[in-house]
Amino acid sequence: MLIRLVAFLICQGLLFSQVATAPAFEAASVKRNNSPEGRSELHMSPDGVTITNYRLRFLIPNVYKIAFYQIAGAPQWLDSNKYDIIARAPNGSSDDQLRFMLQQLLVDRFGLKFHRELRDVPGYAVVLAKDAPKFTIEKKPDQPGRDDGRVGAGRGMATGHMVSSAVFAEVLSIYLARPVLDQTGIDGLFNFELRWTPDEMEPQLGGAPSPDGAPSTDPAGPSLLAALQEQLGLKLVRQRSEIDMFVIDHLQETPTEN
C-alpha cells in the first residue's frame, strides 16, 4: 500500500508539474477586423504570434494540424468574420508550443468546445485524364536539388512551384471542402497554374489577392473541375472516405475582453 501511495503521489506531482509548466501567452490581444479588404497573414516567431485579417475557418486547422474539410458543425460566420491577434509568448517558444498556446486562446477567448469522431464523408480522388498530364515533371524524388514547395492560393486561382501530387490534392481539398485523395501516380515535383471562374460557394482563402489582380468573373469561364482537365490534364472522380472529423460543439462569435 505504501508503494502504491508513493507512486500515486509521484504521478500527481508530475501531473501538477505538467499543468504548471504548460506554455501560455504572457499577453494576448484579440480584435474583430471589419476592413472589407486586406491581406491575411499569420506570423509565428520565438517570442510570439501576429495574426492579421484572419478567419477562424483557417486558423483552427492551422493550430490543430487538421485539414480544412475536417471541420464540422461550424457556425456560418466562421467563413466571413476576420480577426487580428497579437500575442506575446515566452522567448524561445517553438512552433508546436505556439500552436498549443493558440489552442488555449481559442478555448479561453472564443469558448471553443469540440469533440472528434469518425465519419464516412463524400469526397474525390484526383486522377489522370486521357490526355494527361499537361505539365512537366521538373524533378524526380531521388534527384538532388532544392525543393521549394511553394503554393499560392486565391479566389479562382492556384499556383504551385515544385510541389508533389499529394500537395496538389491538398490544395484542391481546400477549394472543394472535401477530402481529395491523390491517385494520379505522378512521381516527382512539378509546377502548375490553374485558373477558373469561382462559384458563390467557393471559400474566401484568407483575402489575399491573386498575383495579377482579381480572378476571372466571366460567367462563361471554366469551372474548377473543367479547368482542372483543360489546363492540367487531371480530373476528379467521386469517392467516399472515412475520416477523423473535428466537430465544433460551441464557438462564440465575439471574443472575451483582452
C-alpha atoms as a PDB file:
ATOM      1  CA  MET A   1       0.000   0.000   0.000  1.00  0.00           C
ATOM      2  CA  LEU A   2       2.865   2.359   0.863  1.00  0.00           C
ATOM      3  CA  ILE A   3       4.469   1.759  -2.530  1.00  0.00           C
ATOM      4  CA  ARG A   4       1.150   2.415  -4.273  1.00  0.00           C
ATOM      5  CA  LEU A   5       0.629   5.607  -2.275  1.00  0.00           C
ATOM      6  CA  VAL A   6       4.126   6.862  -3.115  1.00  0.00           C
ATOM      7  CA  ALA A   7       3.573   6.042  -6.808  1.00  0.00           C
ATOM      8  CA  PHE A   8       0.226   7.846  -6.723  1.00  0.00           C
ATOM      9  CA  LEU A   9       1.760  10.951  -5.134  1.00  0.00           C
ATOM     10  CA  ILE A  10       4.602  10.957  -7.642  1.00  0.00           C
ATOM     11  CA  CYS A  11       2.145  10.736 -10.533  1.00  0.00           C
ATOM     12  CA  GLN A  12       0.070  13.551  -9.059  1.00  0.00           C
ATOM     13  CA  GLY A  13       3.193  15.642  -8.653  1.00  0.00           C
ATOM     14  CA  LEU A  14       4.154  15.058 -12.254  1.00  0.00           C
ATOM     15  CA  LEU A  15       0.662  15.953 -13.364  1.00  0.00           C
ATOM     16  CA  PHE A  16       0.661  19.212 -11.402  1.00  0.00           C
ATOM     17  CA  SER A  17       4.142  19.960 -12.704  1.00  0.00           C
ATOM     18  CA  GLN A  18       2.999  19.500 -16.290  1.00  0.00           C
ATOM     19  CA  VAL A  19      -0.007  21.746 -15.764  1.00  0.00           C
ATOM     20  CA  ALA A  20       2.079  24.389 -14.057  1.00  0.00           C
ATOM     21  CA  THR A  21       4.696  24.404 -16.797  1.00  0.00           C
ATOM     22  CA  ALA A  22       2.270  24.270 -19.758  1.00  0.00           C
ATOM     23  CA  PRO A  23       3.227  27.061 -22.171  1.00  0.00           C
ATOM     24  CA  ALA A  24       0.959  30.115 -22.134  1.00  0.00           C
ATOM     25  CA  PHE A  25       0.958  33.545 -23.722  1.00  0.00           C
ATOM     26  CA  GLU A  26       2.189  36.306 -21.442  1.00  0.00           C
ATOM     27  CA  ALA A  27      -0.309  38.728 -23.039  1.00  0.00           C
ATOM     28  CA  ALA A  28      -2.749  38.496 -25.949  1.00  0.00           C
ATOM     29  CA  SER A  29      -4.983  40.927 -27.828  1.00  0.00           C
ATOM     30  CA  VAL A  30      -7.897  39.596 -29.911  1.00  0.00           C
ATOM     31  CA  LYS A  31      -9.970  42.007 -32.006  1.00  0.00           C
ATOM     32  CA  ARG A  32     -12.511  41.758 -34.800  1.00  0.00           C
ATOM     33  CA  ASN A  33     -11.207  43.076 -38.130  1.00  0.00           C
ATOM     34  CA  ASN A  34     -14.011  44.782 -40.056  1.00  0.00           C
ATOM     35  CA  SER A  35     -11.988  46.012 -43.035  1.00  0.00           C
ATOM     36  CA  PRO A  36     -13.506  44.825 -46.343  1.00  0.00           C
ATOM     37  CA  GLU A  37     -10.124  44.214 -47.957  1.00  0.00           C
ATOM     38  CA  GLY A  38      -6.599  43.387 -46.885  1.00  0.00           C
ATOM     39  CA  ARG A  39      -4.090  40.593 -46.975  1.00  0.00           C
ATOM     40  CA  SER A  40      -4.369  37.822 -44.402  1.00  0.00           C
ATOM     41  CA  GLU A  41      -1.174  36.974 -42.572  1.00  0.00           C
ATOM     42  CA  LEU A  42      -0.077  34.601 -39.827  1.00  0.00           C
ATOM     43  CA  HIS A  43       3.434  35.065 -38.477  1.00  0.00           C
ATOM     44  CA  MET A  44       4.936  32.956 -35.707  1.00  0.00           C
ATOM     45  CA  SER A  45       8.271  33.784 -34.099  1.00  0.00           C
ATOM     46  CA  PRO A  46      10.058  32.517 -30.963  1.00  0.00           C
ATOM     47  CA  ASP A  47       8.612  35.422 -28.949  1.00  0.00           C
ATOM     48  CA  GLY A  48       5.005  35.429 -30.117  1.00  0.00           C
ATOM     49  CA  VAL A  49       2.352  35.421 -32.795  1.00  0.00           C
ATOM     50  CA  THR A  50       0.948  38.123 -35.069  1.00  0.00           C
ATOM     51  CA  ILE A  51      -2.225  37.261 -36.980  1.00  0.00           C
ATOM     52  CA  THR A  52      -3.882  39.829 -39.244  1.00  0.00           C
ATOM     53  CA  ASN A  53      -7.238  39.775 -41.039  1.00  0.00           C
ATOM     54  CA  TYR A  54      -7.643  36.037 -40.446  1.00  0.00           C
ATOM     55  CA  ARG A  55     -10.694  33.788 -40.470  1.00  0.00           C
ATOM     56  CA  LEU A  56     -11.086  31.117 -37.809  1.00  0.00           C
ATOM     57  CA  ARG A  57     -12.016  28.740 -40.618  1.00  0.00           C
ATOM     58  CA  PHE A  58      -8.298  28.723 -41.459  1.00  0.00           C
ATOM     59  CA  LEU A  59      -6.819  29.354 -38.024  1.00  0.00           C
ATOM     60  CA  ILE A  60      -8.390  26.283 -36.422  1.00  0.00           C
ATOM     61  CA  PRO A  61      -6.928  23.820 -38.981  1.00  0.00           C
ATOM     62  CA  ASN A  62      -3.545  25.518 -38.630  1.00  0.00           C
ATOM     63  CA  VAL A  63      -3.276  25.268 -34.858  1.00  0.00           C
ATOM     64  CA  TYR A  64      -4.843  21.795 -34.553  1.00  0.00           C
ATOM     65  CA  LYS A  65      -2.992  20.427 -37.613  1.00  0.00           C
ATOM     66  CA  ILE A  66      -6.109  19.206 -39.374  1.00  0.00           C
ATOM     67  CA  ALA A  67      -7.370  19.646 -42.923  1.00  0.00           C
ATOM     68  CA  PHE A  68      -9.836  22.362 -43.857  1.00  0.00           C
ATOM     69  CA  TYR A  69     -12.528  19.801 -44.703  1.00  0.00           C
ATOM     70  CA  GLN A  70     -12.273  18.030 -41.329  1.00  0.00           C
ATOM     71  CA  ILE A  71     -14.227  20.768 -39.544  1.00  0.00           C
ATOM     72  CA  ALA A  72     -17.908  20.010 -38.914  1.00  0.00           C
ATOM     73  CA  GLY A  73     -20.631  21.869 -37.024  1.00  0.00           C
ATOM     74  CA  ALA A  74     -19.116  25.250 -37.902  1.00  0.00           C
ATOM     75  CA  PRO A  75     -21.265  28.366 -37.441  1.00  0.00           C
ATOM     76  CA  GLN A  76     -21.918  30.351 -40.620  1.00  0.00           C
ATOM     77  CA  TRP A  77     -19.795  33.315 -39.505  1.00  0.00           C
ATOM     78  CA  LEU A  78     -16.683  31.120 -39.402  1.00  0.00           C
ATOM     79  CA  ASP A  79     -16.262  31.758 -43.146  1.00  0.00           C
ATOM     80  CA  SER A  80     -16.816  35.521 -43.012  1.00  0.00           C
ATOM     81  CA  ASN A  81     -15.591  37.036 -39.728  1.00  0.00           C
ATOM     82  CA  LYS A  82     -11.947  38.088 -39.615  1.00  0.00           C
ATOM     83  CA  TYR A  83      -9.804  38.741 -36.551  1.00  0.00           C
ATOM     84  CA  ASP A  84      -6.491  40.298 -35.549  1.00  0.00           C
ATOM     85  CA  ILE A  85      -4.488  38.528 -32.843  1.00  0.00           C
ATOM     86  CA  ILE A  86      -1.268  39.777 -31.269  1.00  0.00           C
ATOM     87  CA  ALA A  87       0.176  37.533 -28.565  1.00  0.00           C
ATOM     88  CA  ARG A  88       3.455  37.679 -26.670  1.00  0.00           C
ATOM     89  CA  ALA A  89       4.999  34.336 -25.755  1.00  0.00           C
ATOM     90  CA  PRO A  90       7.949  33.343 -23.566  1.00  0.00           C
ATOM     91  CA  ASN A  91      11.088  33.948 -25.614  1.00  0.00           C
ATOM     92  CA  GLY A  92      12.345  30.849 -27.372  1.00  0.00           C
ATOM     93  CA  SER A  93       8.932  29.225 -27.868  1.00  0.00           C
ATOM     94  CA  SER A  94       8.783  26.578 -30.585  1.00  0.00           C
ATOM     95  CA  ASP A  95       6.122  26.439 -33.318  1.00  0.00           C
ATOM     96  CA  ASP A  96       4.449  23.491 -31.569  1.00  0.00           C
ATOM     97  CA  GLN A  97       4.342  25.434 -28.303  1.00  0.00           C
ATOM     98  CA  LEU A  98       2.889  28.452 -30.077  1.00  0.00           C
ATOM     99  CA  ARG A  99       0.196  26.266 -31.637  1.00  0.00           C
ATOM    100  CA  PHE A 100      -0.645  24.859 -28.202  1.00  0.00           C
ATOM    101  CA  MET A 101      -0.940  28.403 -26.843  1.00  0.00           C
ATOM    102  CA  LEU A 102      -3.202  29.350 -29.748  1.00  0.00           C
ATOM    103  CA  GLN A 103      -5.383  26.345 -28.974  1.00  0.00           C
ATOM    104  CA  GLN A 104      -5.755  27.616 -25.412  1.00  0.00           C
ATOM    105  CA  LEU A 105      -6.506  31.100 -26.720  1.00  0.00           C
ATOM    106  CA  LEU A 106      -9.347  29.739 -28.855  1.00  0.00           C
ATOM    107  CA  VAL A 107     -10.739  27.986 -25.794  1.00  0.00           C
ATOM    108  CA  ASP A 108     -10.339  30.962 -23.457  1.00  0.00           C
ATOM    109  CA  ARG A 109     -11.376  33.823 -25.760  1.00  0.00           C
ATOM    110  CA  PHE A 110     -13.852  32.150 -28.128  1.00  0.00           C
ATOM    111  CA  GLY A 111     -15.192  29.447 -25.802  1.00  0.00           C
ATOM    112  CA  LEU A 112     -14.243  26.703 -28.252  1.00  0.00           C
ATOM    113  CA  LYS A 113     -15.586  23.268 -27.353  1.00  0.00           C
ATOM    114  CA  PHE A 114     -15.261  20.314 -29.708  1.00  0.00           C
ATOM    115  CA  HIS A 115     -15.051  16.577 -29.982  1.00  0.00           C
ATOM    116  CA  ARG A 116     -13.650  14.180 -32.571  1.00  0.00           C
ATOM    117  CA  GLU A 117     -15.455  11.374 -34.332  1.00  0.00           C
ATOM    118  CA  LEU A 118     -15.018   9.167 -37.379  1.00  0.00           C
ATOM    119  CA  ARG A 119     -17.420   9.907 -40.230  1.00  0.00           C
ATOM    120  CA  ASP A 120     -17.926   8.463 -43.674  1.00  0.00           C
ATOM    121  CA  VAL A 121     -17.986  11.508 -45.943  1.00  0.00           C
ATOM    122  CA  PRO A 122     -18.201  12.155 -49.682  1.00  0.00           C
ATOM    123  CA  GLY A 123     -15.007  13.210 -51.362  1.00  0.00           C
ATOM    124  CA  TYR A 124     -12.939  12.895 -54.500  1.00  0.00           C
ATOM    125  CA  ALA A 125      -9.877  11.273 -55.960  1.00  0.00           C
ATOM    126  CA  VAL A 126      -7.753  13.222 -58.438  1.00  0.00           C
ATOM    127  CA  VAL A 127      -6.648  11.037 -61.360  1.00  0.00           C
ATOM    128  CA  LEU A 128      -5.067  11.425 -64.784  1.00  0.00           C
ATOM    129  CA  ALA A 129      -7.358  12.299 -67.671  1.00  0.00           C
ATOM    130  CA  LYS A 130      -6.904  10.678 -71.087  1.00  0.00           C
ATOM    131  CA  ASP A 131      -4.649  13.466 -72.371  1.00  0.00           C
ATOM    132  CA  ALA A 132      -2.715  13.877 -69.123  1.00  0.00           C
ATOM    133  CA  PRO A 133      -0.661  15.372 -67.817  1.00  0.00           C
ATOM    134  CA  LYS A 134      -0.355  18.852 -69.325  1.00  0.00           C
ATOM    135  CA  PHE A 135       2.693  19.820 -67.277  1.00  0.00           C
ATOM    136  CA  THR A 136       6.291  18.692 -66.985  1.00  0.00           C
ATOM    137  CA  ILE A 137       7.839  16.790 -64.113  1.00  0.00           C
ATOM    138  CA  GLU A 138      10.637  19.121 -63.015  1.00  0.00           C
ATOM    139  CA  LYS A 139      12.350  16.829 -60.529  1.00  0.00           C
ATOM    140  CA  LYS A 140      12.214  13.188 -59.550  1.00  0.00           C
ATOM    141  CA  PRO A 141      12.213  12.316 -55.822  1.00  0.00           C
ATOM    142  CA  ASP A 142      15.712  10.799 -55.981  1.00  0.00           C
ATOM    143  CA  GLN A 143      17.279  13.732 -57.839  1.00  0.00           C
ATOM    144  CA  PRO A 144      19.421  16.164 -55.833  1.00  0.00           C
ATOM    145  CA  GLY A 145      18.499  19.810 -55.581  1.00  0.00           C
ATOM    146  CA  ARG A 146      16.370  22.149 -53.550  1.00  0.00           C
ATOM    147  CA  ASP A 147      12.629  21.530 -53.203  1.00  0.00           C
ATOM    148  CA  ASP A 148      10.942  24.922 -52.796  1.00  0.00           C
ATOM    149  CA  GLY A 149       7.414  23.611 -52.419  1.00  0.00           C
ATOM    150  CA  ARG A 150       5.705  26.996 -52.799  1.00  0.00           C
ATOM    151  CA  VAL A 151       1.933  27.235 -53.209  1.00  0.00           C
ATOM    152  CA  GLY A 152      -0.146  30.330 -53.964  1.00  0.00           C
ATOM    153  CA  ALA A 153      -3.911  30.265 -53.464  1.00  0.00           C
ATOM    154  CA  GLY A 154      -6.598  32.865 -54.037  1.00  0.00           C
ATOM    155  CA  ARG A 155     -10.184  33.053 -55.179  1.00  0.00           C
ATOM    156  CA  GLY A 156     -10.397  31.500 -58.630  1.00  0.00           C
ATOM    157  CA  MET A 157      -6.704  30.699 -58.872  1.00  0.00           C
ATOM    158  CA  ALA A 158      -3.982  28.422 -57.558  1.00  0.00           C
ATOM    159  CA  THR A 159      -0.303  28.149 -58.430  1.00  0.00           C
ATOM    160  CA  GLY A 160       2.465  25.847 -57.333  1.00  0.00           C
ATOM    161  CA  HIS A 161       6.222  25.609 -57.721  1.00  0.00           C
ATOM    162  CA  MET A 162       7.977  22.289 -57.206  1.00  0.00           C
ATOM    163  CA  VAL A 163       5.070  20.548 -55.485  1.00  0.00           C
ATOM    164  CA  SER A 164       4.084  16.898 -55.315  1.00  0.00           C
ATOM    165  CA  SER A 165       0.763  15.474 -56.474  1.00  0.00           C
ATOM    166  CA  ALA A 166      -0.110  14.825 -52.810  1.00  0.00           C
ATOM    167  CA  VAL A 167       0.302  18.530 -52.009  1.00  0.00           C
ATOM    168  CA  PHE A 168      -1.736  19.419 -55.099  1.00  0.00           C
ATOM    169  CA  ALA A 169      -4.560  17.162 -53.859  1.00  0.00           C
ATOM    170  CA  GLU A 170      -4.496  19.007 -50.516  1.00  0.00           C
ATOM    171  CA  VAL A 171      -4.862  22.327 -52.352  1.00  0.00           C
ATOM    172  CA  LEU A 172      -7.920  21.020 -54.188  1.00  0.00           C
ATOM    173  CA  SER A 173      -9.440  19.791 -50.910  1.00  0.00           C
ATOM    174  CA  ILE A 174      -9.446  23.377 -49.596  1.00  0.00           C
ATOM    175  CA  TYR A 175     -11.458  24.696 -52.534  1.00  0.00           C
ATOM    176  CA  LEU A 176     -13.836  21.745 -52.603  1.00  0.00           C
ATOM    177  CA  ALA A 177     -14.191  21.454 -48.798  1.00  0.00           C
ATOM    178  CA  ARG A 178     -13.992  17.699 -49.264  1.00  0.00           C
ATOM    179  CA  PRO A 179     -11.194  15.146 -48.883  1.00  0.00           C
ATOM    180  CA  VAL A 180      -9.259  14.716 -52.119  1.00  0.00           C
ATOM    181  CA  LEU A 181      -7.015  11.674 -52.450  1.00  0.00           C
ATOM    182  CA  ASP A 182      -4.057  11.613 -54.805  1.00  0.00           C
ATOM    183  CA  GLN A 183      -4.447   8.728 -57.250  1.00  0.00           C
ATOM    184  CA  THR A 184      -2.547  10.259 -60.172  1.00  0.00           C
ATOM    185  CA  GLY A 185       0.507   8.038 -59.866  1.00  0.00           C
ATOM    186  CA  ILE A 186       2.684  11.079 -60.603  1.00  0.00           C
ATOM    187  CA  ASP A 187       6.168  10.508 -59.215  1.00  0.00           C
ATOM    188  CA  GLY A 188       8.021  13.785 -58.894  1.00  0.00           C
ATOM    189  CA  LEU A 189       7.678  17.524 -58.401  1.00  0.00           C
ATOM    190  CA  PHE A 190       6.066  19.914 -60.858  1.00  0.00           C
ATOM    191  CA  ASN A 191       4.901  23.488 -61.398  1.00  0.00           C
ATOM    192  CA  PHE A 192       1.287  24.379 -62.120  1.00  0.00           C
ATOM    193  CA  GLU A 193      -1.039  27.306 -62.704  1.00  0.00           C
ATOM    194  CA  LEU A 194      -4.784  26.815 -62.512  1.00  0.00           C
ATOM    195  CA  ARG A 195      -7.450  29.500 -63.099  1.00  0.00           C
ATOM    196  CA  TRP A 196     -11.216  29.251 -63.191  1.00  0.00           C
ATOM    197  CA  THR A 197     -14.392  31.232 -62.582  1.00  0.00           C
ATOM    198  CA  PRO A 198     -15.302  30.687 -58.914  1.00  0.00           C
ATOM    199  CA  ASP A 199     -18.862  29.995 -57.844  1.00  0.00           C
ATOM    200  CA  GLU A 200     -20.618  31.515 -54.836  1.00  0.00           C
ATOM    201  CA  MET A 201     -19.798  28.544 -52.614  1.00  0.00           C
ATOM    202  CA  GLU A 202     -16.041  28.781 -53.088  1.00  0.00           C
ATOM    203  CA  PRO A 203     -14.331  29.802 -49.843  1.00  0.00           C
ATOM    204  CA  GLN A 204     -12.508  33.094 -49.481  1.00  0.00           C
ATOM    205  CA  LEU A 205      -8.944  31.958 -48.969  1.00  0.00           C
ATOM    206  CA  GLY A 206      -7.795  34.491 -46.433  1.00  0.00           C
ATOM    207  CA  GLY A 207      -8.453  37.509 -48.630  1.00  0.00           C
ATOM    208  CA  ALA A 208      -5.038  37.571 -50.302  1.00  0.00           C
ATOM    209  CA  PRO A 209      -5.229  38.819 -53.896  1.00  0.00           C
ATOM    210  CA  SER A 210      -4.007  36.731 -56.787  1.00  0.00           C
ATOM    211  CA  PRO A 211      -0.608  37.680 -58.262  1.00  0.00           C
ATOM    212  CA  ASP A 212      -2.075  39.626 -61.197  1.00  0.00           C
ATOM    213  CA  GLY A 213      -5.223  41.004 -59.576  1.00  0.00           C
ATOM    214  CA  ALA A 214      -8.800  39.765 -59.295  1.00  0.00           C
ATOM    215  CA  PRO A 215      -9.826  36.336 -60.576  1.00  0.00           C
ATOM    216  CA  SER A 216     -11.905  35.899 -63.703  1.00  0.00           C
ATOM    217  CA  THR A 217     -15.567  36.770 -63.280  1.00  0.00           C
ATOM    218  CA  ASP A 218     -16.523  35.731 -66.799  1.00  0.00           C
ATOM    219  CA  PRO A 219     -19.679  33.643 -66.360  1.00  0.00           C
ATOM    220  CA  ALA A 220     -18.653  31.700 -69.459  1.00  0.00           C
ATOM    221  CA  GLY A 221     -15.296  30.837 -67.905  1.00  0.00           C
ATOM    222  CA  PRO A 222     -14.461  27.271 -66.872  1.00  0.00           C
ATOM    223  CA  SER A 223     -15.495  25.790 -63.545  1.00  0.00           C
ATOM    224  CA  LEU A 224     -12.800  24.371 -61.294  1.00  0.00           C
ATOM    225  CA  LEU A 225     -13.490  20.831 -62.488  1.00  0.00           C
ATOM    226  CA  ALA A 226     -13.421  21.868 -66.152  1.00  0.00           C
ATOM    227  CA  ALA A 227     -10.262  23.958 -65.721  1.00  0.00           C
ATOM    228  CA  LEU A 228      -8.563  21.055 -63.990  1.00  0.00           C
ATOM    229  CA  GLN A 229      -8.923  18.865 -67.070  1.00  0.00           C
ATOM    230  CA  GLU A 230      -8.456  21.571 -69.722  1.00  0.00           C
ATOM    231  CA  GLN A 231      -5.387  23.204 -68.174  1.00  0.00           C
ATOM    232  CA  LEU A 232      -3.640  20.364 -66.328  1.00  0.00           C
ATOM    233  CA  GLY A 233      -4.999  17.157 -67.823  1.00  0.00           C
ATOM    234  CA  LEU A 234      -6.361  15.905 -64.498  1.00  0.00           C
ATOM    235  CA  LYS A 235      -9.875  15.072 -63.378  1.00  0.00           C
ATOM    236  CA  LEU A 236     -11.843  14.295 -60.244  1.00  0.00           C
ATOM    237  CA  VAL A 237     -13.865  11.159 -59.555  1.00  0.00           C
ATOM    238  CA  ARG A 238     -16.252  10.855 -56.630  1.00  0.00           C
ATOM    239  CA  GLN A 239     -15.105   8.686 -53.757  1.00  0.00           C
ATOM    240  CA  ARG A 240     -16.144   8.277 -50.139  1.00  0.00           C
ATOM    241  CA  SER A 241     -13.667   8.261 -47.256  1.00  0.00           C
ATOM    242  CA  GLU A 242     -13.810   7.622 -43.521  1.00  0.00           C
ATOM    243  CA  ILE A 243     -12.005  10.481 -41.797  1.00  0.00           C
ATOM    244  CA  ASP A 244     -11.486  11.885 -38.327  1.00  0.00           C
ATOM    245  CA  MET A 245     -13.762  14.932 -38.001  1.00  0.00           C
ATOM    246  CA  PHE A 246     -13.215  17.941 -35.726  1.00  0.00           C
ATOM    247  CA  VAL A 247     -16.803  18.646 -34.617  1.00  0.00           C
ATOM    248  CA  ILE A 248     -17.419  22.093 -33.115  1.00  0.00           C
ATOM    249  CA  ASP A 249     -19.884  21.955 -30.215  1.00  0.00           C
ATOM    250  CA  HIS A 250     -19.601  25.621 -29.212  1.00  0.00           C
ATOM    251  CA  LEU A 251     -17.837  28.710 -30.540  1.00  0.00           C
ATOM    252  CA  GLN A 252     -18.757  32.295 -29.717  1.00  0.00           C
ATOM    253  CA  GLU A 253     -18.553  34.997 -32.345  1.00  0.00           C
ATOM    254  CA  THR A 254     -17.396  37.787 -30.030  1.00  0.00           C
ATOM    255  CA  PRO A 255     -14.166  37.036 -28.156  1.00  0.00           C
ATOM    256  CA  THR A 256     -13.925  37.862 -24.471  1.00  0.00           C
ATOM    257  CA  GLU A 257     -12.159  41.067 -23.475  1.00  0.00           C
ATOM    258  CA  ASN A 258      -8.382  41.292 -23.722  1.00  0.00           C
END
